[in-house]
C-alpha cells in the first residue's frame, strides 16, 4: 500500500489559505451538527516519527469548539494500564454521543512500536489484531464514526525533520534516542506498517494515507477527509433509522411453529436439588476458608477475576454475593451493582460502563447483573433495536475473549428458580418490613413477561456459553444449594488457575 503512494503532493500557501477559508467554516458547522444529532467521532493519527501528527492535529482543531473535543496522546503503557486488558485504556476513552475524540497514536502502537522493540509471538500478534478489529467494528456498529489517518513521509524527510527539531532549543526535547533508533529501523518498519494497513483497512474504519511531505497539503487533506466522512455519516443517520425499523418487521414463520422448534436450556434444569442447613453450614465454612487462601494467592500471582451474576428477580444473587465476599480482603475486590444506565452511560457504547469496571491484575470484580441486560431486559422492553441486541451476542463474546486473552478468569452464573418459587419469595419480602425495599412494582410487572424472558435467557446461554467463558446454571430454588454451587465453582476455577 505505502509503496505506491506519490509523496510529491504539495500546495502553495496561497492555495492552502483559499481552500481553508472555505473548508474550515464547513468543518466547524459539521461539528455543531454532529453534536446536535449525537454522532460520536474518533479520529486516529498514526504514522512515522516526525511526520507532523501534532501539527496536523493542531490545524484540524482550530475551527472547532474546544468544548466539543478532546485530544489524547498515547504513550507506552503505564503500570496501571499494563494491569488491565490491552484495550481497557482505549474503551475508557471512547467518546460519548456528539463529541469528538482525537488520538495522537492509538491502539495500533502495540502492533507496531511495541512489536518492533519487544517482538511478540505470532499468536499474540494475531490476537492483538483481532482485538483491534472487533473493538473498531463494535464501536462503528453502534454508530461511532472512526476516521484513521496514516501520515507518510520518506526516510530522508524523516531524518531532515529530526535534525531540524534538534537544532532548535525550543524543540530539541522532543527528539529522543528512541526516535533516532526508529529512524534507523525505517526499512524494518515499512513492511510492518504496510501489513497493519492491509489487515485493518475495513469498510467500517478505513485508513486514509496522508502524503505528509508538504504540511499545507497534508493539513488540507486531513480536514477535507474528516469533513467528507462526517457529512456523509450525518446524511446517512436518518436513512439508517428507517432501515432498522423495516428490518424489525415480524417474521413470516408462524409463532406457534417457532415455539415448537425452539432450543431450550432452562427446561432441563433439575429444580429439586437442595441441601440441608447443617450440610450447608459445614460446607460453607470449608469453602470460605479455601477461598480466603486462594484470594491471597490470586493477588500475589496477579490473577484478575470477573464474577458475573445473572438470574431471575429474587433468585438469591445478593445472598450469594455476601457469602462469596465474606472471607475476602475488601481491598482486593469490588462489587458492582448494575442498574438502568444513566444519561452519560446511554451516550456511550453499552459496553463502555462495564469496561470501566474491569479489575486490574490480582483483583476480583463481582457484577450483580451485567452486560447481558442488552439481550434480556433491553431486548424485551424495547430499549434497543432488534439489530442491536442480535449483534450483542458476538460483541459480548468478543469482549469476554479479550478479557481471557489477558488472563482474566471469567465466571458467569445464571441463577434459576421456577415461577412458583419466585412468587413465594416476592410475597415473603412484602410481608417482612426489613425486606420490603427489595420488592417493587417493576418486579411484579416483569413476572407477566416470564415466558418472553425464558426465551431470551435460553438464547443468551446458547449463544454466549463459550470455551473461554462458559455459563454455569445454578439450581437456585434452594438458596443453600445455590450458594454452595457458586462457591465451589469459584474455588475450583481459582485452584485451576493458581
Protein backbone atom coordinates (compact mmCIF):
# COMPACT_ATOMS: atom_id res chain seq x y z
CA UNK A 1 0.00 0.00 0.00
CA UNK A 2 2.63 2.56 1.03
CA UNK A 3 4.97 1.69 -1.83
CA UNK A 4 2.50 3.07 -4.39
CA UNK A 5 1.91 6.42 -2.67
CA UNK A 6 3.12 9.53 -4.52
CA UNK A 7 4.86 11.68 -1.91
CA UNK A 8 5.32 14.70 -4.20
CA UNK A 9 1.92 16.28 -3.47
CA UNK A 10 2.09 19.92 -2.36
CA UNK A 11 0.18 23.19 -2.13
CA UNK A 12 1.31 26.79 -2.16
CA UNK A 13 0.48 28.81 0.95
CA UNK A 14 -1.90 30.90 -1.15
CA UNK A 15 -3.78 27.84 -2.41
CA UNK A 16 -3.88 26.45 1.10
CA UNK A 17 -5.37 29.65 2.55
CA UNK A 18 -8.01 29.99 -0.16
CA UNK A 19 -9.20 26.40 0.29
CA UNK A 20 -9.06 26.50 4.08
CA UNK A 21 -11.17 29.68 4.14
CA UNK A 22 -13.96 27.60 2.61
CA UNK A 23 -13.32 24.27 4.36
CA UNK A 24 -12.76 25.43 7.96
CA UNK A 25 -16.20 27.04 8.47
CA UNK A 26 -17.82 23.97 6.95
CA UNK A 27 -15.92 21.69 9.35
CA UNK A 28 -17.00 23.86 12.27
CA UNK A 29 -20.65 23.60 11.17
CA UNK A 30 -20.34 19.82 10.89
CA UNK A 31 -19.11 19.66 14.48
CA UNK A 32 -22.22 21.51 15.62
CA UNK A 33 -24.47 19.23 13.58
CA UNK A 34 -22.71 16.13 14.95
CA UNK A 35 -23.31 17.39 18.49
CA UNK A 36 -26.98 18.07 17.72
CA UNK A 37 -27.55 14.63 16.17
CA UNK A 38 -25.47 12.77 18.75
CA UNK A 39 -22.75 11.47 16.42
CA UNK A 40 -19.61 10.29 18.28
CA UNK A 41 -16.39 10.67 16.29
CA UNK A 42 -12.95 9.12 16.84
CA UNK A 43 -10.05 10.48 14.78
CA UNK A 44 -6.82 8.48 14.85
CA UNK A 45 -3.39 9.79 13.80
CA UNK A 46 -0.70 7.19 13.15
CA UNK A 47 2.44 7.41 11.04
CA UNK A 48 6.17 7.86 11.00
CA UNK A 49 8.02 9.71 13.75
CA UNK A 50 8.35 13.43 12.88
CA UNK A 51 5.62 13.12 10.23
CA UNK A 52 3.75 16.05 11.79
CA UNK A 53 0.98 14.46 13.86
CA UNK A 54 1.00 17.24 16.45
CA UNK A 55 0.98 19.99 13.82
CA UNK A 56 -1.84 18.42 11.83
CA UNK A 57 -3.96 17.80 14.92
CA UNK A 58 -3.48 21.45 15.88
CA UNK A 59 -4.58 22.66 12.46
CA UNK A 60 -7.55 20.28 12.43
CA UNK A 61 -8.95 21.54 15.73
CA UNK A 62 -8.52 25.27 15.01
CA UNK A 63 -12.08 25.72 13.60
CA UNK A 64 -13.67 23.55 16.32
CA UNK A 65 -15.39 24.49 19.54
CA UNK A 66 -12.89 23.29 22.20
CA UNK A 67 -15.77 22.24 24.46
CA UNK A 68 -16.71 19.51 22.00
CA UNK A 69 -13.45 17.63 21.53
CA UNK A 70 -10.59 16.07 23.48
CA UNK A 71 -7.09 15.08 22.36
CA UNK A 72 -5.31 12.02 23.79
CA UNK A 73 -1.58 11.41 23.46
CA UNK A 74 -0.91 7.69 23.66
CA UNK A 75 2.42 6.75 25.20
CA UNK A 76 3.81 3.42 26.32
CA UNK A 77 1.51 1.65 28.78
CA UNK A 78 1.95 2.75 32.39
CA UNK A 79 1.81 0.33 35.31
CA UNK A 80 -1.95 0.73 35.85
CA UNK A 81 -2.67 0.15 32.15
CA UNK A 82 -0.47 -2.94 32.00
CA UNK A 83 -2.56 -4.44 34.80
CA UNK A 84 -5.69 -4.34 32.63
CA UNK A 85 -6.63 -5.98 29.30
CA UNK A 86 -4.98 -4.39 26.25
CA UNK A 87 -7.99 -2.35 25.10
CA UNK A 88 -9.19 -1.24 28.54
CA UNK A 89 -7.40 2.12 28.34
CA UNK A 90 -8.98 2.83 24.96
CA UNK A 91 -12.51 1.70 25.82
CA UNK A 92 -12.41 4.14 28.73
CA UNK A 93 -11.51 6.96 26.30
CA UNK A 94 -14.26 6.37 23.74
CA UNK A 95 -16.41 9.47 23.11
CA UNK A 96 -20.00 9.92 24.15
CA UNK A 97 -22.57 10.85 21.53
CA UNK A 98 -21.94 14.25 19.98
CA UNK A 99 -18.27 14.52 20.96
CA UNK A 100 -15.01 14.17 19.01
CA UNK A 101 -12.01 12.33 20.48
CA UNK A 102 -8.66 12.66 18.69
CA UNK A 103 -5.81 10.23 19.27
CA UNK A 104 -2.14 11.11 18.72
CA UNK A 105 -1.16 7.47 18.25
CA UNK A 106 -3.57 4.83 19.39
CA UNK A 107 -4.22 1.11 19.94
CA UNK A 108 -2.01 0.48 16.90
CA UNK A 109 1.06 1.29 18.98
CA UNK A 110 1.05 -2.29 20.30
CA UNK A 111 1.31 -3.93 16.87
CA UNK A 112 3.99 -1.54 15.57
CA UNK A 113 6.25 0.32 18.01
CA UNK A 114 5.98 -2.19 20.86
CA UNK A 115 6.25 -5.12 18.46
CA UNK A 116 9.43 -3.67 16.94
CA UNK A 117 11.06 -3.01 20.32
CA UNK A 118 9.86 -6.21 22.01
CA UNK A 119 8.77 -8.77 19.40
CA UNK A 120 5.72 -10.79 20.46
CA UNK A 121 4.71 -14.26 19.35
CA UNK A 122 2.69 -14.66 16.17
CA UNK A 123 -0.21 -15.90 18.29
CA UNK A 124 -0.19 -12.79 20.48
CA UNK A 125 0.23 -10.53 17.44
CA UNK A 126 -2.71 -12.18 15.67
CA UNK A 127 -4.77 -11.87 18.86
CA UNK A 128 -3.91 -8.17 19.12
CA UNK A 129 -5.03 -7.54 15.54
CA UNK A 130 -8.26 -9.46 16.14
CA UNK A 131 -8.98 -7.45 19.28
CA UNK A 132 -8.38 -4.20 17.38
CA UNK A 133 -10.74 -5.25 14.60
CA UNK A 134 -13.50 -6.26 17.00
CA UNK A 135 -13.02 -3.02 19.00
CA UNK A 136 -13.43 -0.83 15.92
CA UNK A 137 -16.25 -2.92 14.49
CA UNK A 138 -18.25 -2.79 17.74
CA UNK A 139 -17.91 0.97 18.03
CA UNK A 140 -18.73 1.52 14.36
CA UNK A 141 -21.77 -0.77 14.52
CA UNK A 142 -23.02 1.26 17.49
CA UNK A 143 -22.78 4.48 15.49
CA UNK A 144 -19.28 5.83 16.17
CA UNK A 145 -17.57 7.35 13.14
CA UNK A 146 -13.93 6.21 13.08
CA UNK A 147 -11.54 8.21 10.90
CA UNK A 148 -7.99 6.84 10.66
CA UNK A 149 -5.05 8.74 9.19
CA UNK A 150 -1.59 7.37 8.45
CA UNK A 151 0.98 10.11 7.86
CA UNK A 152 3.56 9.00 5.30
CA UNK A 153 6.97 10.59 4.69
CA UNK A 154 10.23 9.31 3.23
CA UNK A 155 13.25 8.26 5.29
CA UNK A 156 15.20 11.28 4.02
CA UNK A 157 12.41 13.62 5.09
CA UNK A 158 12.22 12.00 8.49
CA UNK A 159 15.95 12.47 9.05
CA UNK A 160 15.77 16.09 7.92
CA UNK A 161 12.92 16.88 10.32
CA UNK A 162 14.59 15.18 13.28
CA UNK A 163 17.76 17.18 12.73
CA UNK A 164 15.77 20.41 12.40
CA UNK A 165 13.96 19.70 15.69
CA UNK A 166 17.30 19.02 17.41
CA UNK A 167 18.82 22.30 16.24
CA UNK A 168 16.15 24.42 17.94
CA UNK A 169 16.38 24.88 21.75
CA UNK A 170 12.56 25.05 21.87
CA UNK A 171 12.05 21.65 20.18
CA UNK A 172 15.23 19.74 20.99
CA UNK A 173 13.49 17.99 23.91
CA UNK A 174 11.03 16.36 21.52
CA UNK A 175 13.72 14.22 19.86
CA UNK A 176 14.70 11.15 21.88
CA UNK A 177 17.12 8.28 21.43
CA UNK A 178 14.12 6.14 20.59
CA UNK A 179 13.26 8.49 17.69
CA UNK A 180 16.70 8.04 16.15
CA UNK A 181 16.53 4.31 16.80
CA UNK A 182 13.23 4.11 14.95
CA UNK A 183 14.63 6.21 12.10
CA UNK A 184 17.44 3.70 11.66
CA UNK A 185 14.79 0.98 11.54
CA UNK A 186 12.79 2.73 8.78
CA UNK A 187 13.19 -0.18 6.37
CA UNK A 188 12.11 -2.61 9.07
CA UNK A 189 9.04 -0.57 9.95
CA UNK A 190 7.94 -0.17 6.33
CA UNK A 191 6.56 -3.74 5.81
CA UNK A 192 5.09 -3.74 9.33
CA UNK A 193 3.14 -0.56 8.60
CA UNK A 194 2.06 -1.97 5.24
CA UNK A 195 0.81 -5.14 6.93
CA UNK A 196 -1.01 -3.13 9.60
CA UNK A 197 -2.80 -1.03 6.99
CA UNK A 198 -3.78 -4.08 4.95
CA UNK A 199 -5.07 -6.06 7.93
CA UNK A 200 -7.14 -3.24 9.45
CA UNK A 201 -8.45 -1.33 6.44
CA UNK A 202 -12.13 -2.14 6.87
CA UNK A 203 -15.28 -0.61 5.46
CA UNK A 204 -16.39 0.46 8.96
CA UNK A 205 -12.98 2.03 9.74
CA UNK A 206 -10.91 2.62 6.58
CA UNK A 207 -7.39 4.03 6.53
CA UNK A 208 -6.55 7.29 4.78
CA UNK A 209 -2.90 7.64 3.83
CA UNK A 210 -1.80 11.28 4.05
CA UNK A 211 1.12 12.40 1.91
CA UNK A 212 2.76 14.43 4.68
CA UNK A 213 5.90 15.74 2.99
CA UNK A 214 4.16 19.10 2.47
CA UNK A 215 2.42 20.32 5.63
CA UNK A 216 -0.12 22.52 3.85
CA UNK A 217 -1.23 19.72 1.55
CA UNK A 218 -1.40 17.26 4.46
CA UNK A 219 -3.41 19.64 6.68
CA UNK A 220 -5.92 20.36 3.92
CA UNK A 221 -6.35 16.67 3.07
CA UNK A 222 -6.85 15.69 6.71
CA UNK A 223 -9.60 18.26 7.22
CA UNK A 224 -11.20 17.53 3.83
CA UNK A 225 -11.38 13.80 4.54
CA UNK A 226 -12.71 14.34 8.07
CA UNK A 227 -15.34 16.78 6.81
CA UNK A 228 -16.41 14.49 3.97
CA UNK A 229 -16.79 11.45 6.26
CA UNK A 230 -18.70 13.43 8.89
CA UNK A 231 -21.01 14.92 6.28
CA UNK A 232 -21.73 11.52 4.69
CA UNK A 233 -22.45 9.93 8.08
CA UNK A 234 -24.74 12.73 9.20
CA UNK A 235 -26.75 12.47 5.97
CA UNK A 236 -26.97 8.72 6.39
CA UNK A 237 -28.15 8.69 10.01
CA UNK A 238 -31.82 9.33 9.25
CA UNK A 239 -31.85 6.70 6.49
CA UNK A 240 -30.30 4.11 8.83
CA UNK A 241 -33.05 4.64 11.42
CA UNK A 242 -35.69 3.98 8.80
CA UNK A 243 -33.87 0.84 7.59
CA UNK A 244 -33.72 -0.54 11.14
CA UNK A 245 -37.45 -0.12 11.55
CA UNK A 246 -38.08 -2.05 8.35
CA UNK A 247 -35.69 -4.82 9.40
CA UNK A 248 -37.64 -5.36 12.60
CA UNK A 249 -40.83 -6.40 10.84
CA UNK A 250 -42.35 -9.65 12.07
CA UNK A 251 -41.03 -12.93 10.71
CA UNK A 252 -43.08 -14.82 8.14
CA UNK A 253 -42.60 -18.01 10.19
CA UNK A 254 -45.74 -18.68 12.30
CA UNK A 255 -45.14 -18.02 16.02
CA UNK A 256 -46.51 -21.39 17.10
CA UNK A 257 -44.04 -23.12 14.77
CA UNK A 258 -41.17 -21.04 16.17
CA UNK A 259 -42.10 -22.16 19.69
CA UNK A 260 -42.21 -25.82 18.63
CA UNK A 261 -38.66 -25.81 17.26
CA UNK A 262 -37.11 -23.53 19.90
CA UNK A 263 -33.97 -24.88 21.56
CA UNK A 264 -34.35 -24.88 25.35
CA UNK A 265 -31.72 -24.81 28.07
CA UNK A 266 -33.75 -23.97 31.17
CA UNK A 267 -36.35 -26.73 30.66
CA UNK A 268 -33.74 -29.36 31.53
CA UNK A 269 -32.66 -27.84 34.87
CA UNK A 270 -33.39 -30.04 37.91
CA UNK A 271 -35.10 -27.66 40.32
CA UNK A 272 -35.44 -30.30 43.07
CA UNK A 273 -31.77 -30.10 44.06
CA UNK A 274 -31.40 -28.91 47.63
CA UNK A 275 -29.22 -29.03 50.75
CA UNK A 276 -29.88 -29.21 54.48
CA UNK A 277 -28.95 -26.32 56.73
CA UNK A 278 -26.44 -28.45 58.64
CA UNK A 279 -24.66 -29.65 55.50
CA UNK A 280 -24.72 -26.10 54.15
CA UNK A 281 -23.03 -24.58 57.20
CA UNK A 282 -20.29 -27.20 57.25
CA UNK A 283 -19.52 -26.90 53.52
CA UNK A 284 -19.75 -23.10 53.60
CA UNK A 285 -17.05 -22.88 56.28
CA UNK A 286 -14.74 -25.19 54.28
CA UNK A 287 -15.20 -23.28 51.02
CA UNK A 288 -14.77 -19.85 52.59
CA UNK A 289 -11.51 -20.96 54.18
CA UNK A 290 -10.26 -22.16 50.80
CA UNK A 291 -11.46 -19.00 49.11
CA UNK A 292 -9.62 -16.78 51.59
CA UNK A 293 -6.36 -18.61 50.86
CA UNK A 294 -6.93 -18.56 47.10
CA UNK A 295 -7.74 -14.85 47.15
CA UNK A 296 -4.32 -14.17 48.66
CA UNK A 297 -2.60 -16.31 46.03
CA UNK A 298 -4.66 -14.66 43.32
CA UNK A 299 -3.32 -11.28 44.46
CA UNK A 300 0.29 -12.42 44.72
CA UNK A 301 0.20 -14.02 41.26
CA UNK A 302 -1.66 -11.05 39.77
CA UNK A 303 -4.63 -13.09 38.53
CA UNK A 304 -7.70 -10.92 37.68
CA UNK A 305 -11.15 -12.43 38.20
CA UNK A 306 -14.59 -11.42 36.94
CA UNK A 307 -17.68 -12.99 38.53
CA UNK A 308 -20.89 -12.22 36.63
CA UNK A 309 -24.21 -12.98 38.31
CA UNK A 310 -27.48 -13.02 36.42
CA UNK A 311 -30.81 -14.60 37.27
CA UNK A 312 -34.47 -14.10 37.95
CA UNK A 313 -35.63 -11.39 40.35
CA UNK A 314 -35.41 -12.82 43.90
CA UNK A 315 -33.20 -15.68 42.71
CA UNK A 316 -30.68 -15.01 45.51
CA UNK A 317 -27.87 -13.05 43.87
CA UNK A 318 -27.41 -10.78 46.89
CA UNK A 319 -27.13 -13.68 49.34
CA UNK A 320 -24.66 -15.47 47.08
CA UNK A 321 -22.50 -12.34 46.79
CA UNK A 322 -22.50 -11.91 50.57
CA UNK A 323 -21.22 -15.48 51.14
CA UNK A 324 -18.68 -15.06 48.35
CA UNK A 325 -17.20 -11.85 49.74
CA UNK A 326 -17.31 -12.62 53.49
CA UNK A 327 -13.85 -14.28 53.58
CA UNK A 328 -12.18 -11.85 51.13
CA UNK A 329 -9.88 -8.92 51.86
CA UNK A 330 -12.07 -5.91 50.95
CA UNK A 331 -9.08 -4.18 49.38
CA UNK A 332 -8.90 -6.89 46.75
CA UNK A 333 -12.43 -6.99 45.38
CA UNK A 334 -15.30 -4.76 44.32
CA UNK A 335 -19.00 -5.47 43.90
CA UNK A 336 -20.59 -3.58 41.01
CA UNK A 337 -24.41 -3.43 41.10
CA UNK A 338 -25.80 -2.79 37.63
CA UNK A 339 -28.91 -0.62 37.36
CA UNK A 340 -30.53 1.04 34.36
CA UNK A 341 -27.92 3.16 32.52
CA UNK A 342 -27.80 6.86 33.37
CA UNK A 343 -27.66 9.63 30.75
CA UNK A 344 -23.85 9.56 30.49
CA UNK A 345 -23.81 5.78 30.11
CA UNK A 346 -26.54 5.92 27.47
CA UNK A 347 -24.39 8.35 25.50
CA UNK A 348 -21.65 5.69 25.14
CA UNK A 349 -21.47 2.20 23.67
CA UNK A 350 -23.38 -0.07 26.07
CA UNK A 351 -20.18 -2.00 26.97
CA UNK A 352 -18.30 1.18 27.97
CA UNK A 353 -19.64 1.25 31.53
CA UNK A 354 -18.58 -2.38 32.08
CA UNK A 355 -15.10 -1.97 30.59
CA UNK A 356 -14.54 0.87 33.08
CA UNK A 357 -15.18 -1.51 35.98
CA UNK A 358 -13.00 -4.41 34.88
CA UNK A 359 -10.50 -5.44 37.58
CA UNK A 360 -6.79 -4.86 37.40
CA UNK A 361 -4.46 -7.84 37.78
CA UNK A 362 -4.76 -9.53 41.17
CA UNK A 363 -8.22 -8.16 41.91
CA UNK A 364 -11.77 -9.51 41.66
CA UNK A 365 -14.83 -7.68 40.37
CA UNK A 366 -18.27 -9.14 41.08
CA UNK A 367 -21.07 -7.86 38.86
CA UNK A 368 -24.60 -8.01 40.28
CA UNK A 369 -26.30 -8.06 36.86
CA UNK A 370 -24.17 -7.41 33.82
CA UNK A 371 -23.74 -6.57 30.15
CA UNK A 372 -26.24 -9.35 29.45
CA UNK A 373 -29.03 -6.88 30.16
CA UNK A 374 -28.62 -5.95 26.50
CA UNK A 375 -30.03 -9.31 25.37
CA UNK A 376 -32.62 -9.64 28.12
CA UNK A 377 -34.34 -6.59 29.63
CA UNK A 378 -33.27 -4.18 26.86
CA UNK A 379 -34.38 -6.69 24.23
CA UNK A 380 -37.75 -7.42 25.84
CA UNK A 381 -38.59 -3.86 26.90
CA UNK A 382 -37.59 -2.39 23.53
CA UNK A 383 -34.77 -0.25 24.92
CA UNK A 384 -32.60 -1.24 21.94
CA UNK A 385 -33.36 -2.27 18.38
CA UNK A 386 -33.55 -5.87 17.20
CA UNK A 387 -30.40 -5.30 15.17
CA UNK A 388 -28.59 -4.05 18.29
CA UNK A 389 -29.45 -6.95 20.58
CA UNK A 390 -28.81 -9.55 17.90
CA UNK A 391 -25.40 -8.01 17.28
CA UNK A 392 -24.67 -8.00 21.02
CA UNK A 393 -24.10 -11.78 21.27
CA UNK A 394 -20.99 -11.52 19.12
CA UNK A 395 -19.84 -8.29 20.78
CA UNK A 396 -20.14 -9.83 24.24
CA UNK A 397 -18.27 -12.97 23.17
CA UNK A 398 -15.50 -10.76 21.76
CA UNK A 399 -15.26 -8.74 24.97
CA UNK A 400 -15.02 -11.85 27.11
CA UNK A 401 -12.41 -13.30 24.74
CA UNK A 402 -10.39 -10.07 25.12
CA UNK A 403 -10.57 -10.46 28.90
CA UNK A 404 -9.48 -14.11 28.93
CA UNK A 405 -6.69 -13.40 26.41
CA UNK A 406 -5.27 -11.04 29.05
CA UNK A 407 -5.56 -13.77 31.68
CA UNK A 408 -8.84 -12.81 33.36
CA UNK A 409 -10.78 -15.69 34.91
CA UNK A 410 -14.38 -15.08 33.76
CA UNK A 411 -17.10 -16.90 35.74
CA UNK A 412 -20.73 -16.46 34.68
CA UNK A 413 -23.69 -17.71 36.71
CA UNK A 414 -27.38 -17.88 35.85
CA UNK A 415 -29.49 -18.39 39.00
CA UNK A 416 -32.58 -20.35 38.01
CA UNK A 417 -35.75 -20.52 40.10
CA UNK A 418 -39.21 -21.56 39.00
CA UNK A 419 -42.18 -19.21 38.77
CA UNK A 420 -43.89 -20.50 41.90
CA UNK A 421 -40.74 -20.07 44.00
CA UNK A 422 -40.35 -16.52 42.75
CA UNK A 423 -43.92 -15.68 43.74
CA UNK A 424 -43.37 -17.19 47.21
CA UNK A 425 -40.23 -15.07 47.71
CA UNK A 426 -41.96 -11.92 46.46
CA UNK A 427 -44.77 -12.37 49.00
CA UNK A 428 -42.26 -13.11 51.76
CA UNK A 429 -40.47 -9.87 51.03
CA UNK A 430 -43.69 -7.88 51.07
CA UNK A 431 -44.59 -9.28 54.47
CA UNK A 432 -41.17 -8.56 56.03
CA UNK A 433 -40.64 -4.84 56.85
CA UNK A 434 -36.86 -5.28 56.58
CA UNK A 435 -37.13 -6.75 53.08
CA UNK A 436 -39.93 -4.67 51.57
CA UNK A 437 -37.39 -2.37 49.91
CA UNK A 438 -36.29 -5.31 47.77
CA UNK A 439 -39.65 -5.65 46.01
CA UNK A 440 -41.06 -3.11 43.54
CA UNK A 441 -43.99 -2.81 41.17
CA UNK A 442 -41.46 -3.39 38.38
CA UNK A 443 -40.66 -6.85 39.79
CA UNK A 444 -44.33 -7.84 39.67
CA UNK A 445 -44.72 -6.40 36.19
CA UNK A 446 -41.75 -8.42 34.92
CA UNK A 447 -43.44 -11.63 36.07
CA UNK A 448 -46.04 -11.03 33.40
CA UNK A 449 -43.29 -11.43 30.80
CA UNK A 450 -41.89 -14.65 32.26
CA UNK A 451 -42.25 -16.65 29.04
CA UNK A 452 -40.53 -13.92 26.99
CA UNK A 453 -37.63 -13.89 29.44
CA UNK A 454 -37.34 -17.70 29.30
CA UNK A 455 -36.85 -17.50 25.51
CA UNK A 456 -34.34 -14.66 25.85
CA UNK A 457 -32.33 -16.47 28.56
CA UNK A 458 -32.29 -19.72 26.57
CA UNK A 459 -30.90 -17.91 23.54
CA UNK A 460 -28.44 -15.91 25.63
CA UNK A 461 -26.93 -19.01 27.24
CA UNK A 462 -26.75 -20.91 23.96
CA UNK A 463 -25.07 -18.08 22.06
CA UNK A 464 -22.66 -16.88 24.75
CA UNK A 465 -21.54 -20.02 26.58
CA UNK A 466 -18.06 -20.22 25.05
CA UNK A 467 -14.94 -22.24 25.73
CA UNK A 468 -13.23 -19.25 27.34
CA UNK A 469 -16.29 -18.08 29.32
CA UNK A 470 -18.92 -20.79 29.80
CA UNK A 471 -22.15 -20.31 31.72
CA UNK A 472 -22.85 -22.15 34.96
CA UNK A 473 -26.58 -22.67 35.53
CA UNK A 474 -27.34 -22.68 39.26
CA UNK A 475 -30.39 -24.56 40.51
CA UNK A 476 -31.50 -21.87 42.98
CA UNK A 477 -34.86 -22.97 44.40
CA UNK A 478 -32.72 -23.97 47.39
CA UNK A 479 -30.65 -20.96 48.46
CA UNK A 480 -28.28 -23.20 50.39
CA UNK A 481 -27.60 -25.39 47.37
CA UNK A 482 -27.17 -22.37 45.08
CA UNK A 483 -24.65 -20.61 47.32
CA UNK A 484 -22.55 -23.73 47.70
CA UNK A 485 -22.56 -24.44 43.96
CA UNK A 486 -21.39 -20.90 43.19
CA UNK A 487 -18.63 -21.05 45.82
CA UNK A 488 -17.49 -24.48 44.65
CA UNK A 489 -17.32 -23.25 41.05
CA UNK A 490 -15.29 -20.17 42.01
CA UNK A 491 -12.90 -22.19 44.21
CA UNK A 492 -12.43 -24.82 41.51
CA UNK A 493 -11.65 -22.22 38.86
CA UNK A 494 -9.16 -20.36 41.08
CA UNK A 495 -7.43 -23.59 42.09
CA UNK A 496 -7.04 -24.50 38.43
CA UNK A 497 -5.55 -21.10 37.54
CA UNK A 498 -3.34 -20.80 40.64
